Amino acid sequence: DVPPGPRAADVIGDEPIWHDGEVVGWVTSGGYAHHAATSVALGY
């Protein structure tokens, strides 16, 4: 969920993935998916 506005940004890699309040993984790559019109991240 990337809200519009000046702080709108997609992931590019190495961002932390949180689950239930703690960091559990990391993003390996991502970006904007134009056909689906959403921001996408892949990570472990």
PDB file of all heavy atoms in Angstrom:
ATOM      1  N   ASP A   1       0.850  -1.182   0.000  1.00  0.00           N
ATOM      2  CA  ASP A   1       0.000   0.000   0.000  1.00  0.00           C
ATOM      3  C   ASP A   1       0.892   1.240   0.000  1.00  0.00           C
ATOM      4  O   ASP A   1       1.546   1.538   0.999  1.00  0.00           O
ATOM      5  CB  ASP A   1      -0.909  -0.011   1.230  1.00  0.00           C
ATOM      6  CG  ASP A   1      -1.845   1.183   1.281  1.00  0.00           C
ATOM      7  OD1 ASP A   1      -2.092   1.802   0.232  1.00  0.00           O
ATOM      8  OD2 ASP A   1      -2.324   1.502   2.388  1.00  0.00           O
ATOM      9  N   VAL A   2       0.937   1.917  -1.129  1.00  0.00           N
ATOM     10  CA  VAL A   2       1.727   3.140  -1.249  1.00  0.00           C
ATOM     11  C   VAL A   2       0.759   4.286  -1.497  1.00  0.00           C
ATOM     12  O   VAL A   2       0.252   4.451  -2.612  1.00  0.00           O
ATOM     13  CB  VAL A   2       2.764   3.038  -2.389  1.00  0.00           C
ATOM     14  CG1 VAL A   2       3.524   4.335  -2.539  1.00  0.00           C
ATOM     15  CG2 VAL A   2       3.711   1.875  -2.144  1.00  0.00           C
ATOM     16  N   PRO A   3       0.480   5.081  -0.463  1.00  0.00           N
ATOM     17  CA  PRO A   3      -0.462   6.179  -0.650  1.00  0.00           C
ATOM     18  C   PRO A   3       0.119   7.254  -1.560  1.00  0.00           C
ATOM     19  O   PRO A   3       1.332   7.448  -1.613  1.00  0.00           O
ATOM     20  CB  PRO A   3      -0.672   6.718   0.769  1.00  0.00           C
ATOM     21  CG  PRO A   3       0.514   6.269   1.539  1.00  0.00           C
ATOM     22  CD  PRO A   3       1.001   5.017   0.890  1.00  0.00           C
ATOM     23  N   PRO A   4      -0.744   7.952  -2.301  1.00  0.00           N
ATOM     24  CA  PRO A   4      -0.240   9.020  -3.175  1.00  0.00           C
ATOM     25  C   PRO A   4       0.313  10.177  -2.355  1.00  0.00           C
ATOM     26  O   PRO A   4       0.008  10.317  -1.176  1.00  0.00           O
ATOM     27  CB  PRO A   4      -1.484   9.433  -3.968  1.00  0.00           C
ATOM     28  CG  PRO A   4      -2.634   9.030  -3.106  1.00  0.00           C
ATOM     29  CD  PRO A   4      -2.185   7.827  -2.327  1.00  0.00           C
ATOM     30  N   GLY A   5       1.124  10.971  -2.981  1.00  0.00           N
ATOM     31  CA  GLY A   5       1.657  12.144  -2.301  1.00  0.00           C
ATOM     32  C   GLY A   5       3.156  12.227  -2.430  1.00  0.00           C
ATOM     33  O   GLY A   5       3.791  11.403  -3.090  1.00  0.00           O
ATOM     34  N   PRO A   6       3.726  13.207  -1.768  1.00  0.00           N
ATOM     35  CA  PRO A   6       5.163  13.451  -1.932  1.00  0.00           C
ATOM     36  C   PRO A   6       6.054  12.341  -1.377  1.00  0.00           C
ATOM     37  O   PRO A   6       7.207  12.231  -1.755  1.00  0.00           O
ATOM     38  CB  PRO A   6       5.385  14.774  -1.190  1.00  0.00           C
ATOM     39  CG  PRO A   6       4.245  14.889  -0.246  1.00  0.00           C
ATOM     40  CD  PRO A   6       3.098  14.188  -0.894  1.00  0.00           C
ATOM     41  N   ARG A   7       5.542  11.506  -0.489  1.00  0.00           N
ATOM     42  CA  ARG A   7       6.348  10.423   0.073  1.00  0.00           C
ATOM     43  C   ARG A   7       6.042   9.083  -0.585  1.00  0.00           C
ATOM     44  O   ARG A   7       6.454   8.042  -0.108  1.00  0.00           O
ATOM     45  CB  ARG A   7       6.154  10.336   1.582  1.00  0.00           C
ATOM     46  CG  ARG A   7       6.529  11.622   2.238  1.00  0.00           C
ATOM     47  CD  ARG A   7       7.404  11.653   3.422  1.00  0.00           C
ATOM     48  NE  ARG A   7       7.950  10.471   3.984  1.00  0.00           N
ATOM     49  CZ  ARG A   7       9.265  10.250   4.078  1.00  0.00           C
ATOM     50  NH1 ARG A   7      10.113  11.116   3.585  1.00  0.00           N
ATOM     51  NH2 ARG A   7       9.714   9.173   4.648  1.00  0.00           N
ATOM     52  N   ALA A   8       5.314   9.109  -1.693  1.00  0.00           N
ATOM     53  CA  ALA A   8       5.007   7.874  -2.416  1.00  0.00           C
ATOM     54  C   ALA A   8       6.304   7.323  -3.005  1.00  0.00           C
ATOM     55  O   ALA A   8       7.048   8.038  -3.654  1.00  0.00           O
ATOM     56  CB  ALA A   8       3.997   8.138  -3.518  1.00  0.00           C
ATOM     57  N   ALA A   9       6.581   6.071  -2.724  1.00  0.00           N
ATOM     58  CA  ALA A   9       7.786   5.421  -3.254  1.00  0.00           C
ATOM     59  C   ALA A   9       7.558   3.921  -3.242  1.00  0.00           C
ATOM     60  O   ALA A   9       6.859   3.393  -2.380  1.00  0.00           O
ATOM     61  CB  ALA A   9       9.007   5.774  -2.409  1.00  0.00           C
ATOM     62  N   ASP A  10       8.147   3.262  -4.218  1.00  0.00           N
ATOM     63  CA  ASP A  10       8.102   1.809  -4.281  1.00  0.00           C
ATOM     64  C   ASP A  10       9.387   1.250  -3.685  1.00  0.00           C
ATOM     65  O   ASP A  10      10.397   1.943  -3.587  1.00  0.00           O
ATOM     66  CB  ASP A  10       7.992   1.349  -5.741  1.00  0.00           C
ATOM     67  CG  ASP A  10       6.722   1.832  -6.397  1.00  0.00           C
ATOM     68  OD1 ASP A  10       5.638   1.574  -5.863  1.00  0.00           O
ATOM     69  OD2 ASP A  10       6.817   2.481  -7.459  1.00  0.00           O
ATOM     70  N   VAL A  11       9.356  -0.020  -3.333  1.00  0.00           N
ATOM     71  CA  VAL A  11      10.571  -0.675  -2.843  1.00  0.00           C
ATOM     72  C   VAL A  11      11.537  -0.856  -4.013  1.00  0.00           C
ATOM     73  O   VAL A  11      11.131  -0.884  -5.177  1.00  0.00           O
ATOM     74  CB  VAL A  11      10.270  -2.045  -2.193  1.00  0.00           C
ATOM     75  CG1 VAL A  11       9.325  -1.897  -1.027  1.00  0.00           C
ATOM     76  CG2 VAL A  11       9.721  -3.026  -3.197  1.00  0.00           C
ATOM     77  N   ILE A  12      12.811  -0.971  -3.683  1.00  0.00           N
ATOM     78  CA  ILE A  12      13.808  -1.295  -4.700  1.00  0.00           C
ATOM     79  C   ILE A  12      14.667  -2.474  -4.277  1.00  0.00           C
ATOM     80  O   ILE A  12      15.283  -3.126  -5.086  1.00  0.00           O
ATOM     81  CB  ILE A  12      14.704  -0.085  -5.051  1.00  0.00           C
ATOM     82  CG1 ILE A  12      15.397   0.450  -3.809  1.00  0.00           C
ATOM     83  CG2 ILE A  12      13.911   0.991  -5.749  1.00  0.00           C
ATOM     84  CD1 ILE A  12      16.456   1.492  -4.095  1.00  0.00           C
ATOM     85  N   GLY A  13      14.689  -2.761  -2.980  1.00  0.00           N
ATOM     86  CA  GLY A  13      15.463  -3.878  -2.460  1.00  0.00           C
ATOM     87  C   GLY A  13      16.116  -3.505  -1.145  1.00  0.00           C
ATOM     88  O   GLY A  13      16.443  -2.349  -0.899  1.00  0.00           O
ATOM     89  N   ASP A  14      16.247  -4.499  -0.269  1.00  0.00           N
ATOM     90  CA  ASP A  14      16.868  -4.380   1.051  1.00  0.00           C
ATOM     91  C   ASP A  14      16.007  -3.675   2.087  1.00  0.00           C
ATOM     92  O   ASP A  14      16.492  -3.385   3.182  1.00  0.00           O
ATOM     93  CB  ASP A  14      18.249  -3.724   0.981  1.00  0.00           C
ATOM     94  CG  ASP A  14      19.251  -4.599   0.254  1.00  0.00           C
ATOM     95  OD1 ASP A  14      19.156  -5.835   0.383  1.00  0.00           O
ATOM     96  OD2 ASP A  14      20.121  -4.061  -0.448  1.00  0.00           O
ATOM     97  N   GLU A  15      14.742  -3.410   1.803  1.00  0.00           N
ATOM     98  CA  GLU A  15      13.861  -2.839   2.817  1.00  0.00           C
ATOM     99  C   GLU A  15      13.435  -3.943   3.789  1.00  0.00           C
ATOM    100  O   GLU A  15      13.256  -5.096   3.380  1.00  0.00           O
ATOM    101  CB  GLU A  15      12.604  -2.226   2.179  1.00  0.00           C
ATOM    102  CG  GLU A  15      12.865  -1.008   1.316  1.00  0.00           C
ATOM    103  CD  GLU A  15      13.221  -1.347  -0.114  1.00  0.00           C
ATOM    104  OE1 GLU A  15      13.354  -2.539  -0.457  1.00  0.00           O
ATOM    105  OE2 GLU A  15      13.374  -0.407  -0.905  1.00  0.00           O
ATOM    106  N   PRO A  16      13.270  -3.610   5.068  1.00  0.00           N
ATOM    107  CA  PRO A  16      12.838  -4.630   6.032  1.00  0.00           C
ATOM    108  C   PRO A  16      11.375  -5.016   5.849  1.00  0.00           C
ATOM    109  O   PRO A  16      10.533  -4.173   5.534  1.00  0.00           O
ATOM    110  CB  PRO A  16      13.054  -3.966   7.392  1.00  0.00           C
ATOM    111  CG  PRO A  16      13.201  -2.515   7.124  1.00  0.00           C
ATOM    112  CD  PRO A  16      13.577  -2.337   5.694  1.00  0.00           C
ATOM    113  N   ILE A  17      11.102  -6.296   6.034  1.00  0.00           N
ATOM    114  CA  ILE A  17       9.732  -6.805   6.040  1.00  0.00           C
ATOM    115  C   ILE A  17       9.372  -7.088   7.492  1.00  0.00           C
ATOM    116  O   ILE A  17      10.052  -7.841   8.187  1.00  0.00           O
ATOM    117  CB  ILE A  17       9.596  -8.098   5.209  1.00  0.00           C
ATOM    118  CG1 ILE A  17       9.982  -7.846   3.756  1.00  0.00           C
ATOM    119  CG2 ILE A  17       8.163  -8.648   5.308  1.00  0.00           C
ATOM    120  CD1 ILE A  17      10.017  -9.108   2.899  1.00  0.00           C
ATOM    121  N   TRP A  18       8.304  -6.457   7.933  1.00  0.00           N
ATOM    122  CA  TRP A  18       7.805  -6.629   9.294  1.00  0.00           C
ATOM    123  C   TRP A  18       6.629  -7.603   9.271  1.00  0.00           C
ATOM    124  O   TRP A  18       5.849  -7.636   8.320  1.00  0.00           O
ATOM    125  CB  TRP A  18       7.317  -5.290   9.847  1.00  0.00           C
ATOM    126  CG  TRP A  18       8.373  -4.254  10.033  1.00  0.00           C
ATOM    127  CD1 TRP A  18       9.014  -3.542   9.050  1.00  0.00           C
ATOM    128  CD2 TRP A  18       8.896  -3.793  11.262  1.00  0.00           C
ATOM    129  NE1 TRP A  18       9.902  -2.667   9.601  1.00  0.00           N
ATOM    130  CE2 TRP A  18       9.857  -2.790  10.965  1.00  0.00           C
ATOM    131  CE3 TRP A  18       8.662  -4.122  12.593  1.00  0.00           C
ATOM    132  CZ2 TRP A  18      10.565  -2.134  11.946  1.00  0.00           C
ATOM    133  CZ3 TRP A  18       9.360  -3.450  13.576  1.00  0.00           C
ATOM    134  CH2 TRP A  18      10.309  -2.479  13.248  1.00  0.00           C
ATOM    135  N   HIS A  19       6.495  -8.367  10.347  1.00  0.00           N
ATOM    136  CA  HIS A  19       5.321  -9.232  10.507  1.00  0.00           C
ATOM    137  C   HIS A  19       4.947  -9.224  11.977  1.00  0.00           C
ATOM    138  O   HIS A  19       5.773  -9.542  12.840  1.00  0.00           O
ATOM    139  CB  HIS A  19       5.613 -10.659  10.042  1.00  0.00           C
ATOM    140  CG  HIS A  19       4.406 -11.540  10.046  1.00  0.00           C
ATOM    141  ND1 HIS A  19       4.237 -12.562  10.933  1.00  0.00           N
ATOM    142  CD2 HIS A  19       3.287 -11.526   9.265  1.00  0.00           C
ATOM    143  CE1 HIS A  19       3.086 -13.161  10.706  1.00  0.00           C
ATOM    144  NE2 HIS A  19       2.489 -12.547   9.699  1.00  0.00           N
ATOM    145  N   ASP A  20       3.728  -8.825  12.242  1.00  0.00           N
ATOM    146  CA  ASP A  20       3.223  -8.730  13.608  1.00  0.00           C
ATOM    147  C   ASP A  20       4.172  -7.958  14.520  1.00  0.00           C
ATOM    148  O   ASP A  20       4.463  -8.359  15.648  1.00  0.00           O
ATOM    149  CB  ASP A  20       2.940 -10.128  14.175  1.00  0.00           C
ATOM    150  CG  ASP A  20       1.790 -10.818  13.461  1.00  0.00           C
ATOM    151  OD1 ASP A  20       0.925 -10.111  12.885  1.00  0.00           O
ATOM    152  OD2 ASP A  20       1.752 -12.061  13.447  1.00  0.00           O
ATOM    153  N   GLY A  21       4.691  -6.832  14.008  1.00  0.00           N
ATOM    154  CA  GLY A  21       5.469  -5.915  14.827  1.00  0.00           C
ATOM    155  C   GLY A  21       6.957  -6.170  14.945  1.00  0.00           C
ATOM    156  O   GLY A  21       7.640  -5.469  15.676  1.00  0.00           O
ATOM    157  N   GLU A  22       7.477  -7.175  14.249  1.00  0.00           N
ATOM    158  CA  GLU A  22       8.924  -7.387  14.289  1.00  0.00           C
ATOM    159  C   GLU A  22       9.468  -7.644  12.888  1.00  0.00           C
ATOM    160  O   GLU A  22       8.769  -8.144  12.019  1.00  0.00           O
ATOM    161  CB  GLU A  22       9.300  -8.531  15.234  1.00  0.00           C
ATOM    162  CG  GLU A  22       8.881  -9.905  14.773  1.00  0.00           C
ATOM    163  CD  GLU A  22       9.364 -10.996  15.730  1.00  0.00           C
ATOM    164  OE1 GLU A  22       8.651 -11.258  16.714  1.00  0.00           O
ATOM    165  OE2 GLU A  22      10.441 -11.568  15.470  1.00  0.00           O
ATOM    166  N   VAL A  23      10.737  -7.271  12.706  1.00  0.00           N
ATOM    167  CA  VAL A  23      11.381  -7.490  11.414  1.00  0.00           C
ATOM    168  C   VAL A  23      11.662  -8.978  11.272  1.00  0.00           C
ATOM    169  O   VAL A  23      12.314  -9.587  12.123  1.00  0.00           O
ATOM    170  CB  VAL A  23      12.689  -6.681  11.291  1.00  0.00           C
ATOM    171  CG1 VAL A  23      13.414  -7.022   9.994  1.00  0.00           C
ATOM    172  CG2 VAL A  23      12.397  -5.187  11.356  1.00  0.00           C
ATOM    173  N   VAL A  24      11.150  -9.572  10.180  1.00  0.00           N
ATOM    174  CA  VAL A  24      11.321 -11.007   9.953  1.00  0.00           C
ATOM    175  C   VAL A  24      12.041 -11.322   8.643  1.00  0.00           C
ATOM    176  O   VAL A  24      12.433 -12.462   8.412  1.00  0.00           O
ATOM    177  CB  VAL A  24       9.961 -11.749   9.976  1.00  0.00           C
ATOM    178  CG1 VAL A  24       9.310 -11.647  11.351  1.00  0.00           C
ATOM    179  CG2 VAL A  24       9.031 -11.234   8.885  1.00  0.00           C
ATOM    180  N   GLY A  25      12.184 -10.330   7.776  1.00  0.00           N
ATOM    181  CA  GLY A  25      12.798 -10.607   6.488  1.00  0.00           C
ATOM    182  C   GLY A  25      13.195  -9.335   5.782  1.00  0.00           C
ATOM    183  O   GLY A  25      13.224  -8.256   6.375  1.00  0.00           O
ATOM    184  N   TRP A  26      13.471  -9.471   4.492  1.00  0.00           N
ATOM    185  CA  TRP A  26      13.941  -8.338   3.705  1.00  0.00           C
ATOM    186  C   TRP A  26      13.444  -8.458   2.275  1.00  0.00           C
ATOM    187  O   TRP A  26      13.220  -9.540   1.762  1.00  0.00           O
ATOM    188  CB  TRP A  26      15.466  -8.261   3.732  1.00  0.00           C
ATOM    189  CG  TRP A  26      16.109  -9.516   3.230  1.00  0.00           C
ATOM    190  CD1 TRP A  26      16.489  -9.794   1.946  1.00  0.00           C
ATOM    191  CD2 TRP A  26      16.386 -10.693   3.980  1.00  0.00           C
ATOM    192  NE1 TRP A  26      17.005 -11.062   1.866  1.00  0.00           N
ATOM    193  CE2 TRP A  26      16.953 -11.639   3.110  1.00  0.00           C
ATOM    194  CE3 TRP A  26      16.230 -11.043   5.323  1.00  0.00           C
ATOM    195  CZ2 TRP A  26      17.351 -12.902   3.523  1.00  0.00           C
ATOM    196  CZ3 TRP A  26      16.627 -12.308   5.734  1.00  0.00           C
ATOM    197  CH2 TRP A  26      17.179 -13.206   4.833  1.00  0.00           C
ATOM    198  N   VAL A  27      13.304  -7.309   1.656  1.00  0.00           N
ATOM    199  CA  VAL A  27      12.900  -7.227   0.256  1.00  0.00           C
ATOM    200  C   VAL A  27      14.129  -7.473  -0.609  1.00  0.00           C
ATOM    201  O   VAL A  27      15.202  -6.946  -0.342  1.00  0.00           O
ATOM    202  CB  VAL A  27      12.284  -5.845  -0.056  1.00  0.00           C
ATOM    203  CG1 VAL A  27      12.053  -5.659  -1.544  1.00  0.00           C
ATOM    204  CG2 VAL A  27      10.986  -5.655   0.719  1.00  0.00           C
ATOM    205  N   THR A  28      13.971  -8.283  -1.634  1.00  0.00           N
ATOM    206  CA  THR A  28      15.055  -8.520  -2.572  1.00  0.00           C
ATOM    207  C   THR A  28      14.917  -7.648  -3.814  1.00  0.00           C
ATOM    208  O   THR A  28      15.917  -7.231  -4.389  1.00  0.00           O
ATOM    209  CB  THR A  28      15.115 -10.001  -2.973  1.00  0.00           C
ATOM    210  OG1 THR A  28      13.807 -10.436  -3.372  1.00  0.00           O
ATOM    211  CG2 THR A  28      15.609 -10.854  -1.801  1.00  0.00           C
ATOM    212  N   SER A  29      13.694  -7.369  -4.245  1.00  0.00           N
ATOM    213  CA  SER A  29      13.465  -6.452  -5.364  1.00  0.00           C
ATOM    214  C   SER A  29      11.994  -6.057  -5.378  1.00  0.00           C
ATOM    215  O   SER A  29      11.170  -6.653  -4.695  1.00  0.00           O
ATOM    216  CB  SER A  29      13.871  -7.073  -6.703  1.00  0.00           C
ATOM    217  OG  SER A  29      13.013  -8.126  -7.066  1.00  0.00           O
ATOM    218  N   GLY A  30      11.678  -5.070  -6.187  1.00  0.00           N
ATOM    219  CA  GLY A  30      10.293  -4.645  -6.287  1.00  0.00           C
ATOM    220  C   GLY A  30      10.173  -3.438  -7.175  1.00  0.00           C
ATOM    221  O   GLY A  30      11.145  -2.969  -7.771  1.00  0.00           O
ATOM    222  N   GLY A  31       8.967  -2.914  -7.245  1.00  0.00           N
ATOM    223  CA  GLY A  31       8.689  -1.744  -8.055  1.00  0.00           C
ATOM    224  C   GLY A  31       7.211  -1.657  -8.351  1.00  0.00           C
ATOM    225  O   GLY A  31       6.393  -2.363  -7.749  1.00  0.00           O
ATOM    226  N   TYR A  32       6.880  -0.807  -9.285  1.00  0.00           N
ATOM    227  CA  TYR A  32       5.484  -0.605  -9.650  1.00  0.00           C
ATOM    228  C   TYR A  32       5.097  -1.564 -10.771  1.00  0.00           C
ATOM    229  O   TYR A  32       5.789  -1.669 -11.784  1.00  0.00           O
ATOM    230  CB  TYR A  32       5.244   0.838 -10.084  1.00  0.00           C
ATOM    231  CG  TYR A  32       3.788   1.170 -10.229  1.00  0.00           C
ATOM    232  CD1 TYR A  32       2.989   1.350  -9.107  1.00  0.00           C
ATOM    233  CD2 TYR A  32       3.210   1.288 -11.481  1.00  0.00           C
ATOM    234  CE1 TYR A  32       1.647   1.639  -9.229  1.00  0.00           C
ATOM    235  CE2 TYR A  32       1.863   1.589 -11.617  1.00  0.00           C
ATOM    236  CZ  TYR A  32       1.087   1.755 -10.490  1.00  0.00           C
ATOM    237  OH  TYR A  32      -0.252   2.044 -10.609  1.00  0.00           O
ATOM    238  N   ALA A  33       3.985  -2.257 -10.586  1.00  0.00           N
ATOM    239  CA  ALA A  33       3.455  -3.178 -11.591  1.00  0.00           C
ATOM    240  C   ALA A  33       2.356  -2.435 -12.355  1.00  0.00           C
ATOM    241  O   ALA A  33       1.265  -2.226 -11.833  1.00  0.00           O
ATOM    242  CB  ALA A  33       2.908  -4.428 -10.922  1.00  0.00           C
ATOM    243  N   HIS A  34       2.653  -2.017 -13.569  1.00  0.00           N
ATOM    244  CA  HIS A  34       1.764  -1.123 -14.307  1.00  0.00           C
ATOM    245  C   HIS A  34       0.439  -1.761 -14.709  1.00  0.00           C
ATOM    246  O   HIS A  34      -0.600  -1.111 -14.628  1.00  0.00           O
ATOM    247  CB  HIS A  34       2.483  -0.577 -15.546  1.00  0.00           C
ATOM    248  CG  HIS A  34       3.587   0.350 -15.181  1.00  0.00           C
ATOM    249  ND1 HIS A  34       3.386   1.682 -14.938  1.00  0.00           N
ATOM    250  CD2 HIS A  34       4.910   0.132 -14.964  1.00  0.00           C
ATOM    251  CE1 HIS A  34       4.522   2.251 -14.608  1.00  0.00           C
ATOM    252  NE2 HIS A  34       5.465   1.334 -14.621  1.00  0.00           N
ATOM    253  N   HIS A  35       0.432  -2.997 -15.148  1.00  0.00           N
ATOM    254  CA  HIS A  35      -0.828  -3.639 -15.551  1.00  0.00           C
ATOM    255  C   HIS A  35      -1.751  -3.812 -14.352  1.00  0.00           C
ATOM    256  O   HIS A  35      -2.948  -3.570 -14.435  1.00  0.00           O
ATOM    257  CB  HIS A  35      -0.553  -4.995 -16.209  1.00  0.00           C
ATOM    258  CG  HIS A  35      -1.777  -5.654 -16.742  1.00  0.00           C
ATOM    259  ND1 HIS A  35      -2.539  -6.535 -15.997  1.00  0.00           N
ATOM    260  CD2 HIS A  35      -2.406  -5.543 -17.938  1.00  0.00           C
ATOM    261  CE1 HIS A  35      -3.558  -6.941 -16.714  1.00  0.00           C
ATOM    262  NE2 HIS A  35      -3.497  -6.359 -17.901  1.00  0.00           N
ATOM    263  N   ALA A  36      -1.201  -4.207 -13.225  1.00  0.00           N
ATOM    264  CA  ALA A  36      -1.989  -4.413 -12.007  1.00  0.00           C
ATOM    265  C   ALA A  36      -2.211  -3.119 -11.235  1.00  0.00           C
ATOM    266  O   ALA A  36      -3.023  -3.087 -10.309  1.00  0.00           O
ATOM    267  CB  ALA A  36      -1.301  -5.438 -11.115  1.00  0.00           C
ATOM    268  N   ALA A  37      -1.487  -2.069 -11.582  1.00  0.00           N
ATOM    269  CA  ALA A  37      -1.598  -0.762 -10.933  1.00  0.00           C
ATOM    270  C   ALA A  37      -1.382  -0.855  -9.423  1.00  0.00           C
ATOM    271  O   ALA A  37      -2.167  -0.328  -8.635  1.00  0.00           O
ATOM    272  CB  ALA A  37      -2.934  -0.100 -11.262  1.00  0.00           C
ATOM    273  N   THR A  38      -0.307  -1.526  -9.041  1.00  0.00           N
ATOM    274  CA  THR A  38       0.020  -1.626  -7.628  1.00  0.00           C
ATOM    275  C   THR A  38       1.530  -1.747  -7.456  1.00  0.00           C
ATOM    276  O   THR A  38       2.245  -2.122  -8.377  1.00  0.00           O
ATOM    277  CB  THR A  38      -0.702  -2.828  -6.965  1.00  0.00           C
ATOM    278  OG1 THR A  38      -0.546  -2.759  -5.553  1.00  0.00           O
ATOM    279  CG2 THR A  38      -0.163  -4.160  -7.468  1.00  0.00           C
ATOM    280  N   SER A  39       1.963  -1.439  -6.267  1.00  0.00           N
ATOM    281  CA  SER A  39       3.370  -1.599  -5.922  1.00  0.00           C
ATOM    282  C   SER A  39       3.582  -3.042  -5.475  1.00  0.00           C
ATOM    283  O   SER A  39       2.767  -3.599  -4.737  1.00  0.00           O
ATOM    284  CB  SER A  39       3.734  -0.634  -4.793  1.00  0.00           C
ATOM    285  OG  SER A  39       5.105  -0.695  -4.507  1.00  0.00           O
ATOM    286  N   VAL A  40       4.669  -3.648  -5.931  1.00  0.00           N
ATOM    287  CA  VAL A  40       4.944  -5.061  -5.652  1.00  0.00           C
ATOM    288  C   VAL A  40       6.336  -5.200  -5.044  1.00  0.00           C
ATOM    289  O   VAL A  40       7.260  -4.476  -5.425  1.00  0.00           O
ATOM    290  CB  VAL A  40       4.852  -5.913  -6.941  1.00  0.00           C
ATOM    291  CG1 VAL A  40       5.214  -7.360  -6.682  1.00  0.00           C
ATOM    292  CG2 VAL A  40       3.461  -5.819  -7.536  1.00  0.00           C
ATOM    293  N   ALA A  41       6.457  -6.125  -4.109  1.00  0.00           N
ATOM    294  CA  ALA A  41       7.753  -6.439  -3.516  1.00  0.00           C
ATOM    295  C   ALA A  41       7.934  -7.946  -3.499  1.00  0.00           C
ATOM    296  O   ALA A  41       6.977  -8.691  -3.272  1.00  0.00           O
ATOM    297  CB  ALA A  41       7.837  -5.895  -2.088  1.00  0.00           C
ATOM    298  N   LEU A  42       9.147  -8.392  -3.745  1.00  0.00           N
ATOM    299  CA  LEU A  42       9.525  -9.785  -3.558  1.00  0.00           C
ATOM    300  C   LEU A  42      10.532  -9.819  -2.424  1.00  0.00           C
ATOM    301  O   LEU A  42      11.390  -8.937  -2.334  1.00  0.00           O
ATOM    302  CB  LEU A  42      10.159 -10.367  -4.820  1.00  0.00           C
ATOM    303  CG  LEU A  42       9.293 -10.419  -6.074  1.00  0.00           C
ATOM    304  CD1 LEU A  42      10.102 -10.957  -7.245  1.00  0.00           C
ATOM    305  CD2 LEU A  42       8.073 -11.290  -5.850  1.00  0.00           C
ATOM    306  N   GLY A  43      10.413 -10.797  -1.560  1.00  0.00           N
ATOM    307  CA  GLY A  43      11.354 -10.883  -0.456  1.00  0.00           C
ATOM    308  C   GLY A  43      11.227 -12.180   0.300  1.00  0.00           C
ATOM    309  O   GLY A  43      10.289 -12.953   0.100  1.00  0.00           O
ATOM    310  N   TYR A  44      12.185 -12.402   1.174  1.00  0.00           N
ATOM    311  CA  TYR A  44      12.252 -13.629   1.958  1.00  0.00           C
ATOM    312  C   TYR A  44      11.750 -13.403   3.373  1.00  0.00           C
ATOM    313  O   TYR A  44      12.106 -12.414   4.014  1.00  0.00           O
ATOM    314  CB  TYR A  44      13.694 -14.148   1.999  1.00  0.00           C
ATOM    315  CG  TYR A  44      14.096 -14.818   0.712  1.00  0.00           C
ATOM    316  CD1 TYR A  44      14.658 -14.092  -0.330  1.00  0.00           C
ATOM    317  CD2 TYR A  44      13.885 -16.182   0.528  1.00  0.00           C
ATOM    318  CE1 TYR A  44      15.012 -14.715  -1.524  1.00  0.00           C
ATOM    319  CE2 TYR A  44      14.225 -16.798  -0.669  1.00  0.00           C
ATOM    320  CZ  TYR A  44      14.800 -16.064  -1.678  1.00  0.00           C
ATOM    321  OH  TYR A  44      15.136 -16.675  -2.855  1.00  0.00           O
TER     322      TYR A  44
END
